[in-house]
Amino acid sequence: MKTCPALRPLLEAVRACAVCAPHLPHGTRPVLQADARARILVAGQAPGRKVHASGVPFDDASGDRLRQWMGLDRDRFYDPALVAILPMGFCFPGSGPAGDRPPRPECAPLWREQLLQALPRIRLTLVIGQYALAWHLPQLAHGGVTAAVHAWRDAAPAVLPLPHPSPRNNRWLAANPWFEQTVVPALRDQVDRLLTGD
């Protein structure tokens, strides 16, 4: 897929970025997907170990669940003309005592606004996890992810807060069945409308 002329050099600059290199135990490997024609933006946290190894965003169990929530197969999910994927940090930050470390704080201020401005057709932003929530929905972030997801209608239809689709969140999903009963069907409907419309 071709990208627009304004976006192409920006993506090349992001993929060559080494600003955080001294803080990344596994080295730099920015992982993202973008095309100026994309209608949906997935705003995640940061790549995990498996995604760092493959270089493909959400190429893991989290991605399987996210695609299931969205009602998309891999071909449509990985079509950058349909779906842009911009985590808050583009490189794997390494592992900590309770999972992966947070996204590097340098990344979003350096690149995010430029990239968002180069994606003029985005109609739905999926906000995944607390760091993306703080950036994209600061008015809902103060109560945490669960409260923000409960209040999903307040941001609809342009933005939808989601819990992280990681298997680490199985307990949360079991404790909050309303999410898969109410939010997931609404998400699928909106994705379908956006991607099968004009």
N, C-alpha and C. Protein backbone atom coordinates (compact mmCIF):
# COMPACT_ATOMS: atom_id res chain seq x y z
N MET A 1 0.84 -1.19 0.00
CA MET A 1 0.00 0.00 0.00
C MET A 1 0.88 1.26 0.00
N LYS A 2 0.51 2.24 -0.79
CA LYS A 2 1.24 3.49 -0.80
C LYS A 2 0.78 4.38 0.34
N THR A 3 1.70 5.20 0.83
CA THR A 3 1.32 6.21 1.81
C THR A 3 1.39 7.57 1.13
N CYS A 4 0.75 8.57 1.74
CA CYS A 4 0.78 9.90 1.13
C CYS A 4 2.18 10.47 1.25
N PRO A 5 2.55 11.38 0.34
CA PRO A 5 3.91 11.93 0.36
C PRO A 5 4.30 12.55 1.69
N ALA A 6 3.35 13.20 2.39
CA ALA A 6 3.68 13.85 3.66
C ALA A 6 3.96 12.83 4.76
N LEU A 7 3.33 11.69 4.68
CA LEU A 7 3.49 10.68 5.72
C LEU A 7 4.74 9.82 5.52
N ARG A 8 5.10 9.57 4.28
CA ARG A 8 6.21 8.65 4.01
C ARG A 8 7.52 9.07 4.70
N PRO A 9 7.98 10.31 4.56
CA PRO A 9 9.23 10.68 5.24
C PRO A 9 9.10 10.67 6.76
N LEU A 10 7.91 10.95 7.26
CA LEU A 10 7.71 10.91 8.70
C LEU A 10 7.84 9.48 9.22
N LEU A 11 7.25 8.52 8.51
CA LEU A 11 7.39 7.12 8.92
C LEU A 11 8.84 6.66 8.83
N GLU A 12 9.54 7.11 7.81
CA GLU A 12 10.97 6.75 7.70
C GLU A 12 11.75 7.31 8.88
N ALA A 13 11.43 8.54 9.29
CA ALA A 13 12.13 9.14 10.42
C ALA A 13 11.82 8.40 11.72
N VAL A 14 10.56 8.02 11.90
CA VAL A 14 10.19 7.27 13.11
C VAL A 14 10.93 5.94 13.15
N ARG A 15 10.96 5.24 12.04
CA ARG A 15 11.59 3.91 12.01
C ARG A 15 13.10 3.99 12.17
N ALA A 16 13.67 5.16 11.93
CA ALA A 16 15.11 5.34 12.13
C ALA A 16 15.44 5.94 13.49
N CYS A 17 14.43 6.24 14.29
CA CYS A 17 14.64 6.93 15.57
C CYS A 17 15.44 6.07 16.55
N ALA A 18 16.37 6.71 17.23
CA ALA A 18 17.18 6.02 18.24
C ALA A 18 17.29 6.86 19.52
N VAL A 19 16.35 7.79 19.72
CA VAL A 19 16.40 8.69 20.87
C VAL A 19 16.44 7.91 22.19
N CYS A 20 15.67 6.84 22.26
CA CYS A 20 15.57 6.07 23.52
C CYS A 20 16.57 4.93 23.61
N ALA A 21 17.45 4.79 22.64
CA ALA A 21 18.34 3.63 22.58
C ALA A 21 19.07 3.34 23.89
N PRO A 22 19.58 4.36 24.61
CA PRO A 22 20.30 4.05 25.86
C PRO A 22 19.43 3.41 26.93
N HIS A 23 18.10 3.52 26.79
CA HIS A 23 17.18 3.02 27.81
C HIS A 23 16.46 1.73 27.40
N LEU A 24 16.78 1.21 26.22
CA LEU A 24 16.07 0.03 25.70
C LEU A 24 16.99 -1.19 25.75
N PRO A 25 16.74 -2.11 26.67
CA PRO A 25 17.65 -3.24 26.84
C PRO A 25 17.72 -4.16 25.63
N HIS A 26 16.70 -4.14 24.77
CA HIS A 26 16.69 -5.01 23.59
C HIS A 26 16.93 -4.24 22.30
N GLY A 27 17.30 -2.98 22.42
CA GLY A 27 17.59 -2.17 21.25
C GLY A 27 16.35 -1.53 20.66
N THR A 28 16.56 -0.69 19.66
CA THR A 28 15.46 0.01 19.01
C THR A 28 14.88 -0.83 17.88
N ARG A 29 13.58 -0.86 17.81
CA ARG A 29 12.85 -1.43 16.67
C ARG A 29 11.44 -0.85 16.70
N PRO A 30 11.27 0.37 16.20
CA PRO A 30 9.94 0.97 16.20
C PRO A 30 8.95 0.13 15.40
N VAL A 31 7.81 -0.14 16.00
CA VAL A 31 6.78 -0.97 15.37
C VAL A 31 5.50 -0.14 15.30
N LEU A 32 5.03 0.12 14.08
CA LEU A 32 3.81 0.88 13.87
C LEU A 32 3.29 0.60 12.48
N GLN A 33 2.08 1.05 12.21
CA GLN A 33 1.44 0.87 10.91
C GLN A 33 0.60 2.11 10.64
N ALA A 34 0.78 2.72 9.48
CA ALA A 34 0.01 3.93 9.19
C ALA A 34 -0.09 4.18 7.70
N ASP A 35 -1.21 4.73 7.30
CA ASP A 35 -1.47 5.17 5.93
C ASP A 35 -2.48 6.29 6.03
N ALA A 36 -2.34 7.31 5.21
CA ALA A 36 -3.22 8.48 5.30
C ALA A 36 -4.68 8.14 5.01
N ARG A 37 -4.94 6.96 4.43
CA ARG A 37 -6.32 6.57 4.12
C ARG A 37 -7.01 5.86 5.28
N ALA A 38 -6.28 5.51 6.33
CA ALA A 38 -6.84 4.72 7.42
C ALA A 38 -8.04 5.41 8.05
N ARG A 39 -9.05 4.61 8.41
CA ARG A 39 -10.25 5.12 9.05
C ARG A 39 -10.25 4.85 10.56
N ILE A 40 -9.49 3.84 10.99
CA ILE A 40 -9.46 3.43 12.39
C ILE A 40 -8.04 3.53 12.91
N LEU A 41 -7.90 4.07 14.10
CA LEU A 41 -6.60 4.15 14.77
C LEU A 41 -6.63 3.29 16.02
N VAL A 42 -5.66 2.40 16.14
CA VAL A 42 -5.47 1.62 17.36
C VAL A 42 -4.33 2.28 18.13
N ALA A 43 -4.67 2.86 19.27
CA ALA A 43 -3.69 3.55 20.11
C ALA A 43 -3.39 2.65 21.30
N GLY A 44 -2.30 1.91 21.21
CA GLY A 44 -1.94 0.96 22.26
C GLY A 44 -0.87 1.49 23.19
N GLN A 45 -0.19 0.57 23.87
CA GLN A 45 0.81 0.92 24.88
C GLN A 45 2.21 0.95 24.27
N ALA A 46 2.79 -0.23 24.09
CA ALA A 46 4.12 -0.38 23.49
C ALA A 46 4.26 -1.83 23.06
N PRO A 47 5.10 -2.13 22.09
CA PRO A 47 5.26 -3.52 21.67
C PRO A 47 5.79 -4.39 22.81
N GLY A 48 5.36 -5.64 22.82
CA GLY A 48 5.91 -6.62 23.75
C GLY A 48 7.07 -7.36 23.12
N ARG A 49 7.56 -8.36 23.83
CA ARG A 49 8.73 -9.11 23.37
C ARG A 49 8.47 -9.79 22.01
N LYS A 50 7.31 -10.43 21.86
CA LYS A 50 7.01 -11.14 20.61
C LYS A 50 6.90 -10.17 19.44
N VAL A 51 6.26 -9.03 19.67
CA VAL A 51 6.13 -8.04 18.60
C VAL A 51 7.49 -7.44 18.26
N HIS A 52 8.32 -7.23 19.25
CA HIS A 52 9.68 -6.75 19.00
C HIS A 52 10.43 -7.72 18.09
N ALA A 53 10.24 -9.01 18.33
CA ALA A 53 10.94 -10.02 17.53
C ALA A 53 10.42 -10.08 16.09
N SER A 54 9.10 -9.95 15.91
CA SER A 54 8.53 -10.08 14.57
C SER A 54 8.49 -8.77 13.80
N GLY A 55 8.40 -7.65 14.53
CA GLY A 55 8.25 -6.36 13.87
C GLY A 55 6.85 -6.10 13.37
N VAL A 56 5.89 -6.94 13.77
CA VAL A 56 4.50 -6.81 13.34
C VAL A 56 3.64 -6.42 14.54
N PRO A 57 2.93 -5.30 14.49
CA PRO A 57 2.15 -4.87 15.66
C PRO A 57 1.05 -5.87 16.02
N PHE A 58 0.85 -6.09 17.31
CA PHE A 58 -0.18 -6.98 17.81
C PHE A 58 -0.07 -8.39 17.22
N ASP A 59 1.13 -8.83 16.99
CA ASP A 59 1.38 -10.17 16.45
C ASP A 59 1.55 -11.14 17.62
N ASP A 60 0.51 -11.25 18.45
CA ASP A 60 0.60 -12.05 19.67
C ASP A 60 -0.83 -12.35 20.14
N ALA A 61 -0.95 -12.94 21.33
CA ALA A 61 -2.28 -13.29 21.84
C ALA A 61 -3.15 -12.05 22.06
N SER A 62 -2.53 -10.92 22.43
CA SER A 62 -3.30 -9.68 22.58
C SER A 62 -3.93 -9.28 21.24
N GLY A 63 -3.17 -9.43 20.18
CA GLY A 63 -3.69 -9.10 18.86
C GLY A 63 -4.82 -10.02 18.43
N ASP A 64 -4.70 -11.30 18.77
CA ASP A 64 -5.78 -12.23 18.43
C ASP A 64 -7.09 -11.78 19.08
N ARG A 65 -7.01 -11.41 20.36
CA ARG A 65 -8.22 -10.98 21.07
C ARG A 65 -8.72 -9.64 20.53
N LEU A 66 -7.82 -8.71 20.26
CA LEU A 66 -8.25 -7.41 19.74
C LEU A 66 -8.95 -7.57 18.40
N ARG A 67 -8.40 -8.39 17.52
CA ARG A 67 -9.04 -8.62 16.22
C ARG A 67 -10.42 -9.27 16.39
N GLN A 68 -10.53 -10.17 17.37
CA GLN A 68 -11.82 -10.78 17.65
C GLN A 68 -12.82 -9.73 18.14
N TRP A 69 -12.38 -8.85 19.05
CA TRP A 69 -13.25 -7.77 19.51
C TRP A 69 -13.72 -6.90 18.34
N MET A 70 -12.81 -6.61 17.42
CA MET A 70 -13.12 -5.72 16.30
C MET A 70 -13.90 -6.41 15.19
N GLY A 71 -13.87 -7.74 15.18
CA GLY A 71 -14.52 -8.48 14.11
C GLY A 71 -13.74 -8.43 12.80
N LEU A 72 -12.41 -8.36 12.90
CA LEU A 72 -11.56 -8.29 11.72
C LEU A 72 -10.64 -9.49 11.63
N ASP A 73 -10.41 -9.95 10.40
CA ASP A 73 -9.38 -10.97 10.19
C ASP A 73 -8.02 -10.28 10.06
N ARG A 74 -6.97 -11.08 9.99
CA ARG A 74 -5.62 -10.51 9.93
C ARG A 74 -5.41 -9.65 8.69
N ASP A 75 -5.96 -10.07 7.55
CA ASP A 75 -5.75 -9.31 6.32
C ASP A 75 -6.29 -7.89 6.43
N ARG A 76 -7.48 -7.75 6.98
CA ARG A 76 -8.06 -6.41 7.08
C ARG A 76 -7.38 -5.61 8.20
N PHE A 77 -7.07 -6.26 9.30
CA PHE A 77 -6.41 -5.57 10.41
C PHE A 77 -5.05 -5.03 10.00
N TYR A 78 -4.33 -5.80 9.19
CA TYR A 78 -2.99 -5.38 8.77
C TYR A 78 -2.97 -4.63 7.44
N ASP A 79 -4.11 -4.17 6.99
CA ASP A 79 -4.18 -3.30 5.82
C ASP A 79 -4.06 -1.86 6.33
N PRO A 80 -2.92 -1.20 6.12
CA PRO A 80 -2.75 0.14 6.68
C PRO A 80 -3.69 1.17 6.09
N ALA A 81 -4.30 0.88 4.94
CA ALA A 81 -5.28 1.80 4.38
C ALA A 81 -6.60 1.75 5.14
N LEU A 82 -6.75 0.75 6.00
CA LEU A 82 -7.94 0.63 6.83
C LEU A 82 -7.65 0.95 8.29
N VAL A 83 -6.56 0.38 8.82
CA VAL A 83 -6.26 0.47 10.25
C VAL A 83 -4.84 1.00 10.46
N ALA A 84 -4.73 2.09 11.20
CA ALA A 84 -3.42 2.59 11.64
C ALA A 84 -3.18 2.08 13.06
N ILE A 85 -1.93 1.74 13.36
CA ILE A 85 -1.58 1.22 14.68
C ILE A 85 -0.40 2.04 15.21
N LEU A 86 -0.69 2.87 16.21
CA LEU A 86 0.34 3.75 16.78
C LEU A 86 0.36 3.57 18.29
N PRO A 87 1.25 2.75 18.81
CA PRO A 87 1.36 2.64 20.27
C PRO A 87 1.94 3.91 20.86
N MET A 88 1.79 4.08 22.16
CA MET A 88 2.33 5.27 22.82
C MET A 88 3.85 5.27 22.82
N GLY A 89 4.44 4.11 22.81
CA GLY A 89 5.89 3.96 22.63
C GLY A 89 6.09 2.97 21.51
N PHE A 90 6.96 3.27 20.56
CA PHE A 90 7.10 2.43 19.38
C PHE A 90 8.06 1.26 19.57
N CYS A 91 8.87 1.28 20.61
CA CYS A 91 9.85 0.21 20.83
C CYS A 91 9.53 -0.56 22.11
N PHE A 92 9.92 -1.83 22.14
CA PHE A 92 9.74 -2.66 23.31
C PHE A 92 10.56 -2.08 24.46
N PRO A 93 9.91 -1.71 25.58
CA PRO A 93 10.63 -1.05 26.67
C PRO A 93 11.37 -2.01 27.60
N GLY A 94 11.20 -3.31 27.38
CA GLY A 94 11.81 -4.30 28.27
C GLY A 94 10.82 -4.77 29.32
N SER A 95 11.20 -5.81 30.02
CA SER A 95 10.33 -6.41 31.03
C SER A 95 10.68 -5.92 32.42
N GLY A 96 9.64 -5.76 33.25
CA GLY A 96 9.81 -5.39 34.64
C GLY A 96 9.33 -6.50 35.54
N PRO A 97 9.26 -6.27 36.83
CA PRO A 97 8.86 -7.32 37.76
C PRO A 97 7.40 -7.76 37.62
N ALA A 98 6.53 -6.91 37.05
CA ALA A 98 5.11 -7.25 36.94
C ALA A 98 4.62 -7.16 35.50
N GLY A 99 5.48 -7.47 34.55
CA GLY A 99 5.11 -7.37 33.14
C GLY A 99 6.04 -6.43 32.41
N ASP A 100 5.62 -6.01 31.23
CA ASP A 100 6.46 -5.09 30.46
C ASP A 100 6.51 -3.72 31.12
N ARG A 101 7.64 -3.05 30.93
CA ARG A 101 7.78 -1.70 31.46
C ARG A 101 6.88 -0.73 30.68
N PRO A 102 6.64 0.44 31.25
CA PRO A 102 5.80 1.43 30.54
C PRO A 102 6.48 1.90 29.25
N PRO A 103 5.68 2.45 28.33
CA PRO A 103 6.28 3.04 27.13
C PRO A 103 7.28 4.13 27.52
N ARG A 104 8.33 4.25 26.76
CA ARG A 104 9.32 5.30 27.03
C ARG A 104 8.64 6.67 26.92
N PRO A 105 8.88 7.56 27.89
CA PRO A 105 8.17 8.86 27.90
C PRO A 105 8.61 9.81 26.80
N GLU A 106 9.75 9.54 26.17
CA GLU A 106 10.22 10.44 25.11
C GLU A 106 9.43 10.29 23.81
N CYS A 107 8.85 9.12 23.60
CA CYS A 107 8.33 8.77 22.28
C CYS A 107 7.11 9.60 21.88
N ALA A 108 6.07 9.60 22.69
CA ALA A 108 4.84 10.28 22.29
C ALA A 108 5.02 11.78 22.05
N PRO A 109 5.71 12.52 22.95
CA PRO A 109 5.88 13.95 22.68
C PRO A 109 6.68 14.23 21.40
N LEU A 110 7.56 13.31 21.06
CA LEU A 110 8.41 13.52 19.89
C LEU A 110 7.67 13.28 18.57
N TRP A 111 6.80 12.27 18.53
CA TRP A 111 6.25 11.83 17.26
C TRP A 111 4.73 11.88 17.14
N ARG A 112 4.00 11.77 18.25
CA ARG A 112 2.59 11.44 18.16
C ARG A 112 1.75 12.50 17.43
N GLU A 113 1.91 13.74 17.79
CA GLU A 113 1.08 14.79 17.18
C GLU A 113 1.33 14.88 15.68
N GLN A 114 2.58 14.75 15.27
CA GLN A 114 2.89 14.79 13.84
C GLN A 114 2.19 13.66 13.09
N LEU A 115 2.24 12.47 13.67
CA LEU A 115 1.62 11.32 13.02
C LEU A 115 0.10 11.46 12.97
N LEU A 116 -0.49 11.91 14.05
CA LEU A 116 -1.95 12.07 14.07
C LEU A 116 -2.40 13.09 13.03
N GLN A 117 -1.64 14.15 12.86
CA GLN A 117 -2.00 15.16 11.87
C GLN A 117 -1.89 14.62 10.44
N ALA A 118 -1.07 13.59 10.26
CA ALA A 118 -0.90 12.99 8.93
C ALA A 118 -1.92 11.88 8.65
N LEU A 119 -2.88 11.72 9.56
CA LEU A 119 -3.93 10.70 9.39
C LEU A 119 -5.30 11.39 9.40
N PRO A 120 -5.62 12.11 8.33
CA PRO A 120 -6.82 12.96 8.34
C PRO A 120 -8.15 12.23 8.26
N ARG A 121 -8.14 10.94 7.91
CA ARG A 121 -9.40 10.22 7.70
C ARG A 121 -9.82 9.36 8.90
N ILE A 122 -9.06 9.43 9.99
CA ILE A 122 -9.42 8.63 11.17
C ILE A 122 -10.80 9.06 11.69
N ARG A 123 -11.67 8.07 11.87
CA ARG A 123 -13.01 8.32 12.39
C ARG A 123 -13.26 7.61 13.71
N LEU A 124 -12.41 6.66 14.05
CA LEU A 124 -12.55 5.93 15.30
C LEU A 124 -11.17 5.64 15.86
N THR A 125 -10.95 6.05 17.11
CA THR A 125 -9.69 5.76 17.80
C THR A 125 -9.98 4.81 18.95
N LEU A 126 -9.33 3.67 18.93
CA LEU A 126 -9.44 2.70 20.01
C LEU A 126 -8.30 2.96 20.99
N VAL A 127 -8.65 3.34 22.21
CA VAL A 127 -7.69 3.76 23.22
C VAL A 127 -7.48 2.59 24.19
N ILE A 128 -6.30 2.00 24.15
CA ILE A 128 -6.03 0.77 24.88
C ILE A 128 -5.03 1.01 26.00
N GLY A 129 -5.48 0.90 27.24
CA GLY A 129 -4.59 0.99 28.38
C GLY A 129 -4.41 2.40 28.92
N GLN A 130 -3.80 2.49 30.09
CA GLN A 130 -3.75 3.76 30.83
C GLN A 130 -2.91 4.85 30.16
N TYR A 131 -1.84 4.49 29.48
CA TYR A 131 -0.98 5.52 28.89
C TYR A 131 -1.65 6.13 27.66
N ALA A 132 -2.30 5.31 26.86
CA ALA A 132 -3.06 5.85 25.73
C ALA A 132 -4.27 6.64 26.22
N LEU A 133 -4.87 6.17 27.29
CA LEU A 133 -6.02 6.87 27.87
C LEU A 133 -5.63 8.28 28.33
N ALA A 134 -4.49 8.40 28.99
CA ALA A 134 -4.04 9.70 29.49
C ALA A 134 -3.79 10.68 28.34
N TRP A 135 -3.36 10.19 27.19
CA TRP A 135 -3.08 11.06 26.05
C TRP A 135 -4.36 11.42 25.29
N HIS A 136 -5.16 10.40 24.97
CA HIS A 136 -6.30 10.60 24.07
C HIS A 136 -7.60 10.98 24.78
N LEU A 137 -7.76 10.57 26.04
CA LEU A 137 -8.98 10.87 26.79
C LEU A 137 -8.65 11.34 28.20
N PRO A 138 -7.92 12.43 28.33
CA PRO A 138 -7.53 12.86 29.67
C PRO A 138 -8.72 13.16 30.58
N GLN A 139 -9.86 13.52 29.98
CA GLN A 139 -11.04 13.83 30.79
C GLN A 139 -11.62 12.58 31.45
N LEU A 140 -11.29 11.39 30.93
CA LEU A 140 -11.76 10.15 31.53
C LEU A 140 -10.66 9.39 32.26
N ALA A 141 -9.43 9.82 32.11
CA ALA A 141 -8.29 9.04 32.62
C ALA A 141 -8.20 9.06 34.14
N HIS A 142 -8.71 10.11 34.79
CA HIS A 142 -8.51 10.25 36.24
C HIS A 142 -9.12 9.10 37.03
N GLY A 143 -10.15 8.46 36.49
CA GLY A 143 -10.80 7.37 37.22
C GLY A 143 -10.22 6.01 36.93
N GLY A 144 -9.22 5.93 36.04
CA GLY A 144 -8.62 4.65 35.68
C GLY A 144 -9.31 4.01 34.48
N VAL A 145 -8.72 2.91 34.02
CA VAL A 145 -9.20 2.26 32.80
C VAL A 145 -10.61 1.71 32.97
N THR A 146 -10.89 1.05 34.09
CA THR A 146 -12.22 0.45 34.26
C THR A 146 -13.31 1.51 34.22
N ALA A 147 -13.11 2.61 34.93
CA ALA A 147 -14.11 3.68 34.92
C ALA A 147 -14.27 4.29 33.53
N ALA A 148 -13.16 4.43 32.82
CA ALA A 148 -13.22 5.00 31.47
C ALA A 148 -13.98 4.08 30.53
N VAL A 149 -13.73 2.78 30.62
CA VAL A 149 -14.44 1.84 29.76
C VAL A 149 -15.93 1.83 30.11
N HIS A 150 -16.26 1.92 31.41
CA HIS A 150 -17.67 2.04 31.82
C HIS A 150 -18.32 3.25 31.16
N ALA A 151 -17.56 4.33 31.00
CA ALA A 151 -18.10 5.57 30.45
C ALA A 151 -17.87 5.69 28.95
N TRP A 152 -17.75 4.57 28.26
CA TRP A 152 -17.39 4.58 26.85
C TRP A 152 -18.34 5.42 26.00
N ARG A 153 -19.59 5.48 26.36
CA ARG A 153 -20.54 6.27 25.56
C ARG A 153 -20.23 7.76 25.60
N ASP A 154 -19.53 8.21 26.64
CA ASP A 154 -19.20 9.64 26.76
C ASP A 154 -18.23 10.09 25.67
N ALA A 155 -17.44 9.16 25.17
CA ALA A 155 -16.44 9.50 24.14
C ALA A 155 -16.89 9.08 22.74
N ALA A 156 -17.92 8.25 22.66
CA ALA A 156 -18.39 7.74 21.38
C ALA A 156 -18.98 8.88 20.53
N PRO A 157 -18.98 8.75 19.21
CA PRO A 157 -18.50 7.61 18.45
C PRO A 157 -17.05 7.73 17.97
N ALA A 158 -16.38 8.83 18.26
CA ALA A 158 -15.05 9.05 17.69
C ALA A 158 -13.95 8.30 18.43
N VAL A 159 -14.14 8.07 19.72
CA VAL A 159 -13.10 7.45 20.54
C VAL A 159 -13.74 6.39 21.42
N LEU A 160 -13.04 5.26 21.56
CA LEU A 160 -13.57 4.18 22.39
C LEU A 160 -12.47 3.64 23.29
N PRO A 161 -12.58 3.83 24.62
CA PRO A 161 -11.59 3.27 25.54
C PRO A 161 -11.81 1.77 25.72
N LEU A 162 -10.71 1.03 25.73
CA LEU A 162 -10.77 -0.43 25.87
C LEU A 162 -9.79 -0.89 26.94
N PRO A 163 -10.10 -2.00 27.61
CA PRO A 163 -9.08 -2.62 28.46
C PRO A 163 -8.01 -3.24 27.56
N HIS A 164 -6.87 -3.53 28.10
CA HIS A 164 -5.85 -4.18 27.28
C HIS A 164 -6.30 -5.59 26.95
N PRO A 165 -6.15 -6.04 25.70
CA PRO A 165 -6.60 -7.38 25.33
C PRO A 165 -5.64 -8.50 25.74
N SER A 166 -4.62 -8.19 26.50
CA SER A 166 -3.65 -9.19 26.93
C SER A 166 -4.29 -10.31 27.74
N PRO A 167 -3.77 -11.54 27.64
CA PRO A 167 -4.22 -12.62 28.53
C PRO A 167 -4.07 -12.27 30.01
N ARG A 168 -3.19 -11.34 30.33
CA ARG A 168 -3.06 -10.89 31.73
C ARG A 168 -4.35 -10.27 32.24
N ASN A 169 -5.23 -9.87 31.33
CA ASN A 169 -6.49 -9.24 31.72
C ASN A 169 -7.66 -10.21 31.76
N ASN A 170 -7.39 -11.51 31.70
CA ASN A 170 -8.49 -12.49 31.74
C ASN A 170 -9.34 -12.33 33.00
N ARG A 171 -8.69 -12.05 34.12
CA ARG A 171 -9.43 -11.88 35.37
C ARG A 171 -10.35 -10.67 35.30
N TRP A 172 -9.84 -9.58 34.72
CA TRP A 172 -10.67 -8.37 34.56
C TRP A 172 -11.88 -8.68 33.68
N LEU A 173 -11.67 -9.38 32.58
CA LEU A 173 -12.77 -9.69 31.67
C LEU A 173 -13.80 -10.59 32.35
N ALA A 174 -13.34 -11.53 33.16
CA ALA A 174 -14.27 -12.40 33.87
C ALA A 174 -15.08 -11.62 34.90
N ALA A 175 -14.46 -10.61 35.50
CA ALA A 175 -15.13 -9.82 36.54
C ALA A 175 -16.03 -8.73 35.95
N ASN A 176 -15.87 -8.47 34.67
CA ASN A 176 -16.63 -7.40 34.01
C ASN A 176 -17.30 -7.93 32.74
N PRO A 177 -18.25 -8.86 32.87
CA PRO A 177 -18.86 -9.46 31.67
C PRO A 177 -19.62 -8.45 30.82
N TRP A 178 -20.03 -7.33 31.41
CA TRP A 178 -20.73 -6.29 30.65
C TRP A 178 -19.91 -5.80 29.47
N PHE A 179 -18.57 -5.87 29.59
CA PHE A 179 -17.73 -5.35 28.51
C PHE A 179 -17.96 -6.14 27.22
N GLU A 180 -17.88 -7.46 27.30
CA GLU A 180 -18.05 -8.27 26.09
C GLU A 180 -19.52 -8.37 25.68
N GLN A 181 -20.43 -8.10 26.61
CA GLN A 181 -21.86 -8.16 26.29
C GLN A 181 -22.35 -6.87 25.62
N THR A 182 -21.74 -5.74 25.99
CA THR A 182 -22.24 -4.44 25.55
C THR A 182 -21.25 -3.67 24.66
N VAL A 183 -20.01 -3.55 25.13
CA VAL A 183 -19.06 -2.72 24.41
C VAL A 183 -18.56 -3.40 23.14
N VAL A 184 -18.23 -4.68 23.21
CA VAL A 184 -17.70 -5.37 22.04
C VAL A 184 -18.68 -5.37 20.87
N PRO A 185 -19.97 -5.68 21.07
CA PRO A 185 -20.89 -5.58 19.93
C PRO A 185 -20.97 -4.17 19.33
N ALA A 186 -20.94 -3.15 20.18
CA ALA A 186 -20.95 -1.77 19.67
C ALA A 186 -19.69 -1.48 18.88
N LEU A 187 -18.55 -1.98 19.36
CA LEU A 187 -17.29 -1.80 18.64
C LEU A 187 -17.36 -2.46 17.27
N ARG A 188 -17.82 -3.70 17.22
CA ARG A 188 -17.89 -4.40 15.94
C ARG A 188 -18.81 -3.70 14.96
N ASP A 189 -19.92 -3.22 15.45
CA ASP A 189 -20.85 -2.50 14.57
C ASP A 189 -20.20 -1.26 13.98
N GLN A 190 -19.50 -0.53 14.81
CA GLN A 190 -18.88 0.71 14.32
C GLN A 190 -17.75 0.42 13.34
N VAL A 191 -16.94 -0.59 13.65
CA VAL A 191 -15.86 -0.98 12.73
C VAL A 191 -16.45 -1.39 11.39
N ASP A 192 -17.50 -2.19 11.44
CA ASP A 192 -18.12 -2.66 10.19
C ASP A 192 -18.66 -1.49 9.38
N ARG A 193 -19.32 -0.53 10.04
CA ARG A 193 -19.84 0.64 9.32
C ARG A 193 -18.72 1.45 8.68
N LEU A 194 -17.65 1.64 9.40
CA LEU A 194 -16.55 2.46 8.89
C LEU A 194 -15.84 1.81 7.72
N LEU A 195 -15.66 0.50 7.78
CA LEU A 195 -14.85 -0.18 6.77
C LEU A 195 -15.65 -0.70 5.59
N THR A 196 -16.99 -0.72 5.71
CA THR A 196 -17.79 -1.15 4.56
C THR A 196 -18.57 0.01 3.96
N GLY A 197 -18.38 1.21 4.52
CA GLY A 197 -19.04 2.40 3.99
C GLY A 197 -18.29 2.92 2.79
N ASP A 198 -18.38 4.25 2.59
CA ASP A 198 -17.77 4.87 1.41
C ASP A 198 -16.33 4.43 1.33
